[in-house]
Amino acid sequence: MSLNADIQRLERYDETTDTYTLAIITDEDHAAQVELEDGQIAWQSTLRYDLLHREVDATGRVRYRLEEIPPERGGEHRLVSLIAEGGRGAEFSELVMFGKRLVTFDDRTGLVCEIRNENQLVPRQILMTGSGDERFKGFKSEWATLWGDRLIVGSHGKTAPEEWVKILDRNYGLASVDWHERYQLMREALGVGERGYVIHEAAEWHPYRREWLFFPRKVSSEPFDLAIDERERGNHRLVIANEDFSLVRTLPIGECVPERGISSFKLVPGHPDECIGLKSVEIGERTESYLFCFNLEGEVLQEDTFIGDYKCEGVEIL
């Protein structure tokens, strides 16, 4: 009997693996629009590759170390999309290995694309906001994870249409499910109250532990205020829920840096209780991205490591 895709993903490498290739994708918002050589307007994103080394010292302590691959050695590629909504496109917010396919999600248009040959985008589905029947508006995809043989895609959960999730099968067949109760249970676990909010951009299903792991980017017990949100609402608490969300708890990971919030994280194949993650800063025109690593006991395995002055919102292990 073949293994489900979520198990296969974690068993692509075993516990002896100590070097991984990362794919990291940018969401450059308004800066994504470009003019091609033929004069055509398009939208672009950067896909970069890096190496991640897992090192164990004489005491058994695990540390991770990032090694950047220079652009001239194939460490950076341009992805170009000709599809936009409201004059914006190619705002890719997540990366997931779905079987042997690297899949990304445009949080502006709702496009789901396979990435082939390092720089070719192949559209496979268009997700629409909410149930899909409400408005002609692309789904604001923010997080995605494998659950069995299905791909679960979610939004930030701040408003009712963004509490729906999209479920894609291996052939990109689509179902929409309202997750309002699950988002509400996570808000309650984080203690934000009726006036506050939680913004999600990172989640993983853990098939061995049968648990949902959500790492909110922003958490606030006060109403949304953009200037305050950008500088002060970064979060460092991981939300851990059992499969049906009947038990939800939180776990602090390292120290909170209020201007940094988690935009993506992944379980490490071969070491499934260890994770890599991205943190991003977005204050006015200033953007920064950092990579960090941690385990599910709450220990930081790599401190925040600066990777660029642009906003990276998706990471995956190839």
Protein backbone atom coordinates (compact mmCIF):
# COMPACT_ATOMS: atom_id res chain seq x y z
CA MET A 1 0.00 0.00 0.00
CA SER A 2 1.42 3.36 -0.98
CA LEU A 3 1.98 6.00 1.67
CA ASN A 4 -0.04 9.18 1.80
CA ALA A 5 1.61 12.29 0.37
CA ASP A 6 2.10 13.86 3.81
CA ILE A 7 4.09 10.82 5.03
CA GLN A 8 6.02 10.53 1.75
CA ARG A 9 7.11 14.14 2.08
CA LEU A 10 8.65 13.54 5.52
CA GLU A 11 10.28 10.26 4.48
CA ARG A 12 12.05 11.60 1.36
CA TYR A 13 15.13 11.84 3.60
CA ASP A 14 16.11 9.88 6.70
CA GLU A 15 17.72 10.77 10.02
CA THR A 16 21.23 10.65 8.49
CA THR A 17 20.50 13.62 6.20
CA ASP A 18 22.42 16.72 7.22
CA THR A 19 22.23 18.98 4.15
CA TYR A 20 19.05 20.21 2.51
CA THR A 21 18.28 22.42 -0.48
CA LEU A 22 15.74 25.12 0.31
CA ALA A 23 13.45 26.93 -2.08
CA ILE A 24 12.34 30.40 -0.93
CA ILE A 25 9.86 32.58 -2.82
CA THR A 26 9.16 36.31 -2.60
CA ASP A 27 5.94 38.29 -2.46
CA GLU A 28 6.94 41.76 -3.63
CA ASP A 29 3.45 43.32 -3.67
CA HIS A 30 3.34 46.50 -5.79
CA ALA A 31 7.00 46.08 -6.83
CA ALA A 32 6.10 42.87 -8.68
CA GLN A 33 4.91 44.68 -11.84
CA VAL A 34 7.46 44.81 -14.67
CA GLU A 35 7.57 45.51 -18.40
CA LEU A 36 8.92 42.72 -20.59
CA GLU A 37 11.24 43.27 -23.56
CA ASP A 38 8.29 43.13 -25.97
CA GLY A 39 6.50 45.87 -24.03
CA GLN A 40 4.03 43.52 -22.38
CA ILE A 41 3.14 44.20 -18.73
CA ALA A 42 3.81 41.25 -16.44
CA TRP A 43 4.33 40.46 -12.76
CA GLN A 44 7.39 38.77 -11.29
CA SER A 45 8.63 37.01 -8.20
CA THR A 46 12.07 35.78 -7.17
CA LEU A 47 12.68 32.10 -6.43
CA ARG A 48 15.95 31.53 -4.61
CA TYR A 49 17.76 28.37 -3.57
CA ASP A 50 19.91 27.99 -0.48
CA LEU A 51 21.58 25.16 1.40
CA LEU A 52 20.71 24.36 5.00
CA HIS A 53 23.18 22.34 7.08
CA ARG A 54 22.17 20.39 10.19
CA GLU A 55 25.05 20.07 12.63
CA VAL A 56 25.28 18.11 15.90
CA ASP A 57 28.04 18.94 18.38
CA ALA A 58 29.80 16.64 20.84
CA THR A 59 27.10 17.19 23.46
CA GLY A 60 24.34 16.20 21.03
CA ARG A 61 23.10 19.76 20.57
CA VAL A 62 21.51 20.36 17.16
CA ARG A 63 22.17 23.55 15.24
CA TYR A 64 21.26 24.63 11.72
CA ARG A 65 23.37 26.82 9.44
CA LEU A 66 22.31 28.59 6.25
CA GLU A 67 24.60 28.69 3.20
CA GLU A 68 23.50 30.98 0.39
CA ILE A 69 23.90 29.84 -3.22
CA PRO A 70 25.10 32.81 -5.32
CA PRO A 71 22.87 33.85 -8.25
CA GLU A 72 25.64 33.01 -10.73
CA ARG A 73 25.59 29.39 -9.46
CA GLY A 74 21.85 29.02 -9.95
CA GLY A 75 20.76 30.41 -6.60
CA GLU A 76 18.23 32.88 -7.97
CA HIS A 77 15.53 32.68 -10.66
CA ARG A 78 12.78 34.96 -11.93
CA LEU A 79 9.19 33.73 -12.14
CA VAL A 80 6.97 35.70 -14.53
CA SER A 81 3.17 35.68 -14.52
CA LEU A 82 0.89 37.30 -17.12
CA ILE A 83 -2.20 36.97 -14.91
CA ALA A 84 -3.26 39.72 -12.50
CA GLU A 85 -6.24 41.01 -10.54
CA GLY A 86 -6.70 44.72 -10.01
CA GLY A 87 -3.31 45.40 -11.57
CA ARG A 88 -1.44 43.08 -9.19
CA GLY A 89 -0.10 39.54 -9.54
CA ALA A 90 2.75 37.10 -8.81
CA GLU A 91 2.37 37.75 -5.07
CA PHE A 92 3.36 34.23 -4.09
CA SER A 93 2.77 33.45 -0.44
CA GLU A 94 3.70 29.79 0.05
CA LEU A 95 5.60 26.80 -1.39
CA VAL A 96 4.68 23.13 -0.94
CA MET A 97 6.03 19.89 -2.40
CA PHE A 98 2.86 18.07 -3.53
CA GLY A 99 4.26 14.68 -4.46
CA LYS A 100 7.06 15.52 -6.90
CA ARG A 101 5.52 18.88 -7.85
CA LEU A 102 6.62 22.18 -6.32
CA VAL A 103 3.45 24.25 -5.96
CA THR A 104 3.03 27.96 -5.18
CA PHE A 105 0.04 30.21 -4.50
CA ASP A 106 -0.68 33.79 -5.57
CA ASP A 107 -2.44 35.58 -2.71
CA ARG A 108 -3.76 38.27 -5.05
CA THR A 109 -5.29 36.32 -7.95
CA GLY A 110 -5.94 32.95 -6.26
CA LEU A 111 -3.74 31.17 -8.82
CA VAL A 112 -2.26 27.80 -7.91
CA CYS A 113 0.84 27.11 -10.03
CA GLU A 114 3.36 24.35 -10.42
CA ILE A 115 6.95 25.54 -10.77
CA ARG A 116 8.86 23.58 -13.40
CA ASN A 117 12.43 23.84 -14.65
CA GLU A 118 13.21 26.39 -11.91
CA ASN A 119 11.46 29.32 -13.61
CA GLN A 120 8.36 28.10 -15.46
CA LEU A 121 4.92 28.75 -13.93
CA VAL A 122 2.18 26.28 -14.91
CA PRO A 123 -1.31 27.37 -13.69
CA ARG A 124 -3.36 24.48 -12.28
CA GLN A 125 -6.31 26.03 -10.40
CA ILE A 126 -7.82 29.38 -9.46
CA LEU A 127 -9.13 29.68 -5.90
CA MET A 128 -11.90 32.19 -5.18
CA THR A 129 -12.56 34.00 -1.92
CA GLY A 130 -14.78 32.50 0.80
CA SER A 131 -16.96 29.62 -0.36
CA GLY A 132 -16.12 30.47 -3.97
CA ASP A 133 -19.71 31.53 -4.71
CA GLU A 134 -19.69 34.96 -3.07
CA ARG A 135 -17.52 37.31 -5.11
CA PHE A 136 -15.40 37.33 -8.23
CA LYS A 137 -12.25 37.80 -6.18
CA GLY A 138 -9.16 35.64 -5.87
CA PHE A 139 -8.64 33.73 -2.62
CA LYS A 140 -5.99 35.32 -0.42
CA SER A 141 -3.93 32.15 -0.04
CA GLU A 142 -1.49 32.51 2.86
CA TRP A 143 -0.66 29.01 4.12
CA ALA A 144 -0.74 25.49 2.70
CA THR A 145 0.08 22.02 3.94
CA LEU A 146 -0.40 18.37 3.03
CA TRP A 147 -3.11 16.44 4.89
CA GLY A 148 -3.08 12.83 3.78
CA ASP A 149 -3.20 12.91 -0.02
CA ARG A 150 -4.78 16.34 -0.10
CA LEU A 151 -3.42 19.87 -0.17
CA ILE A 152 -5.08 22.24 2.32
CA VAL A 153 -4.81 25.94 1.46
CA GLY A 154 -5.87 28.62 3.93
CA SER A 155 -6.01 32.37 4.33
CA HIS A 156 -5.18 34.62 7.30
CA GLY A 157 -8.50 34.09 9.09
CA LYS A 158 -9.01 37.74 10.02
CA THR A 159 -12.43 38.05 8.36
CA ALA A 160 -15.20 35.55 7.66
CA PRO A 161 -14.35 34.94 3.95
CA GLU A 162 -10.75 34.30 4.98
CA GLU A 163 -11.79 31.58 7.43
CA TRP A 164 -12.59 29.20 4.58
CA VAL A 165 -10.01 26.64 3.46
CA LYS A 166 -9.55 25.08 0.04
CA ILE A 167 -8.94 21.34 -0.30
CA LEU A 168 -7.22 20.13 -3.47
CA ASP A 169 -6.79 16.50 -4.47
CA ARG A 170 -3.90 15.14 -6.54
CA ASN A 171 -5.68 16.20 -9.75
CA TYR A 172 -6.42 19.70 -8.37
CA GLY A 173 -10.09 18.91 -7.83
CA LEU A 174 -11.42 21.51 -5.40
CA ALA A 175 -13.63 21.66 -2.31
CA SER A 176 -14.24 24.65 0.00
CA VAL A 177 -14.80 24.21 3.75
CA ASP A 178 -15.68 26.81 6.39
CA TRP A 179 -13.13 26.67 9.22
CA HIS A 180 -14.68 29.45 11.33
CA GLU A 181 -14.88 27.30 14.47
CA ARG A 182 -11.24 26.21 14.16
CA TYR A 183 -9.97 29.74 13.68
CA GLN A 184 -12.08 30.83 16.67
CA LEU A 185 -10.61 28.09 18.87
CA MET A 186 -7.11 29.29 17.97
CA ARG A 187 -8.05 32.88 18.81
CA GLU A 188 -9.33 31.68 22.18
CA ALA A 189 -6.13 29.72 22.86
CA LEU A 190 -4.11 32.87 22.11
CA GLY A 191 -6.32 34.94 24.40
CA VAL A 192 -7.01 37.83 22.04
CA GLY A 193 -10.59 38.42 23.18
CA GLU A 194 -13.46 39.84 21.11
CA ARG A 195 -11.64 43.07 20.24
CA GLY A 196 -8.43 41.45 19.03
CA TYR A 197 -7.32 39.53 15.95
CA VAL A 198 -4.93 36.86 14.72
CA ILE A 199 -3.31 36.81 11.27
CA HIS A 200 -2.17 33.41 9.96
CA GLU A 201 0.40 32.87 7.22
CA ALA A 202 2.07 29.60 8.30
CA ALA A 203 0.71 26.15 9.09
CA GLU A 204 1.76 22.49 8.94
CA TRP A 205 -0.09 19.23 9.46
CA HIS A 206 2.10 16.75 11.40
CA PRO A 207 1.10 13.27 10.16
CA TYR A 208 3.02 11.35 12.86
CA ARG A 209 1.72 13.38 15.79
CA ARG A 210 -1.72 13.83 14.14
CA GLU A 211 -1.58 17.49 15.07
CA TRP A 212 -2.13 20.82 13.33
CA LEU A 213 0.66 23.34 13.87
CA PHE A 214 -0.17 27.00 13.24
CA PHE A 215 2.40 29.76 13.70
CA PRO A 216 0.46 33.07 13.50
CA ARG A 217 2.28 36.04 12.03
CA LYS A 218 0.41 38.65 14.07
CA VAL A 219 -1.49 38.43 17.38
CA SER A 220 -3.27 41.34 19.06
CA SER A 221 -5.80 41.81 21.84
CA GLU A 222 -6.60 45.29 20.43
CA PRO A 223 -8.43 46.23 17.20
CA PHE A 224 -6.40 46.41 13.99
CA ASP A 225 -4.31 49.55 13.46
CA LEU A 226 -1.92 49.31 10.51
CA ALA A 227 0.94 51.38 11.97
CA ILE A 228 0.83 49.52 15.29
CA ASP A 229 0.33 46.16 13.57
CA GLU A 230 3.45 46.57 11.43
CA ARG A 231 5.72 47.42 14.36
CA GLU A 232 4.29 45.73 17.45
CA ARG A 233 2.11 42.69 16.71
CA GLY A 234 4.70 40.08 15.69
CA ASN A 235 4.12 36.73 17.38
CA HIS A 236 6.33 33.95 18.79
CA ARG A 237 3.71 31.45 20.00
CA LEU A 238 3.08 28.24 18.06
CA VAL A 239 -0.48 26.91 18.18
CA ILE A 240 -0.76 23.11 18.47
CA ALA A 241 -4.16 21.42 17.94
CA ASN A 242 -5.20 17.79 17.72
CA GLU A 243 -6.84 16.60 14.52
CA ASP A 244 -10.39 17.74 15.33
CA PHE A 245 -9.31 20.85 17.28
CA SER A 246 -10.88 19.54 20.50
CA LEU A 247 -7.59 20.30 22.28
CA VAL A 248 -5.67 23.48 21.42
CA ARG A 249 -2.58 24.77 23.21
CA THR A 250 0.24 27.22 22.57
CA LEU A 251 4.02 26.92 22.85
CA PRO A 252 6.42 29.91 22.93
CA ILE A 253 9.36 29.66 20.51
CA GLY A 254 12.30 31.87 21.46
CA GLU A 255 11.93 35.58 22.14
CA CYS A 256 9.35 37.77 20.44
CA VAL A 257 10.69 40.46 18.10
CA PRO A 258 7.56 42.61 17.68
CA GLU A 259 8.27 43.78 14.12
CA ARG A 260 8.96 40.23 12.85
CA GLY A 261 6.21 37.72 12.09
CA ILE A 262 6.26 34.16 10.76
CA SER A 263 5.27 33.92 7.11
CA SER A 264 6.02 30.21 6.45
CA PHE A 265 7.47 27.13 8.14
CA LYS A 266 8.04 23.47 7.32
CA LEU A 267 8.76 20.21 9.12
CA VAL A 268 12.22 18.88 8.28
CA PRO A 269 12.13 15.50 6.44
CA GLY A 270 14.10 12.91 8.42
CA HIS A 271 13.84 15.07 11.55
CA PRO A 272 10.08 15.64 11.80
CA ASP A 273 10.11 17.35 15.19
CA GLU A 274 12.41 20.06 13.86
CA CYS A 275 11.26 22.96 11.68
CA ILE A 276 12.60 25.69 9.43
CA GLY A 277 10.75 28.97 9.14
CA LEU A 278 10.68 32.43 7.64
CA LYS A 279 10.07 35.69 9.45
CA SER A 280 9.25 38.86 7.57
CA VAL A 281 9.22 42.56 8.35
CA GLU A 282 6.89 44.95 6.52
CA ILE A 283 6.90 48.53 7.83
CA GLY A 284 5.85 51.04 5.21
CA GLU A 285 8.28 50.61 2.31
CA ARG A 286 10.79 48.69 4.45
CA THR A 287 10.83 44.93 3.98
CA GLU A 288 13.20 42.29 5.40
CA SER A 289 13.24 38.50 5.66
CA TYR A 290 14.92 36.12 8.07
CA LEU A 291 15.30 32.35 8.28
CA PHE A 292 15.24 30.52 11.63
CA CYS A 293 14.96 26.94 12.91
CA PHE A 294 13.33 25.44 15.99
CA ASN A 295 12.02 22.18 17.41
CA LEU A 296 8.62 21.24 18.78
CA GLU A 297 9.89 21.40 22.35
CA GLY A 298 10.24 25.16 21.92
CA GLU A 299 14.02 25.26 21.48
CA VAL A 300 15.54 27.60 18.89
CA LEU A 301 18.03 25.70 16.68
CA GLN A 302 19.09 28.65 14.52
CA GLU A 303 18.65 32.29 15.48
CA ASP A 304 17.05 34.69 13.00
CA THR A 305 19.40 34.91 10.00
CA PHE A 306 18.96 37.84 7.59
CA ILE A 307 18.38 36.66 4.02
CA GLY A 308 17.34 39.79 2.15
CA ASP A 309 15.67 43.18 2.13
CA TYR A 310 12.60 41.85 0.36
CA LYS A 311 9.56 39.99 1.68
CA CYS A 312 9.84 36.20 1.49
CA GLU A 313 6.61 34.39 2.25
CA GLY A 314 7.19 30.76 1.26
CA VAL A 315 9.85 28.17 2.09
CA GLU A 316 10.09 24.47 1.20
CA ILE A 317 12.72 21.72 1.31
CA LEU A 318 13.35 20.25 -2.13
